[in-house]
Amino acid sequence: METALSNHSNLLDAMREFPVEEHGEINRSKLGWLLKKNANRIGGGLEFRQAEADGRTAWRVVAVKSPPLPPSPPFTPPVEKTVTPAAAEVEVEM
């Protein structure tokens, strides 16, 4: 929080876009809850990871590589189907 408040206005603006602000100030408990909820999610090559500082829960941002995408299934051409109309029923009166 101190870093965002003093040196990184873009980070502060980004934090204020989340519902963590009360009475014009960021509620640290709400921010922590939001970070915990989104921990270990990769976005833009970055990930929030839980850490510990002075015996308290802290958070750090770590640059990570996105996991590789699963391979695509092999291409199989579409199967052509021939549909034959059912034999017409004929009514015969006797």
Foldseek 3Di string as FASTA:
>chain_A
DVCCVPPNVVVVVVLVVDPQDDPRHGNVVVSVVVLVVQAPDDDPQKGWHWDDDPNDIDIDIDGHDDDDDDDDPDDDDDDDDDDDDDDDDDDDDD
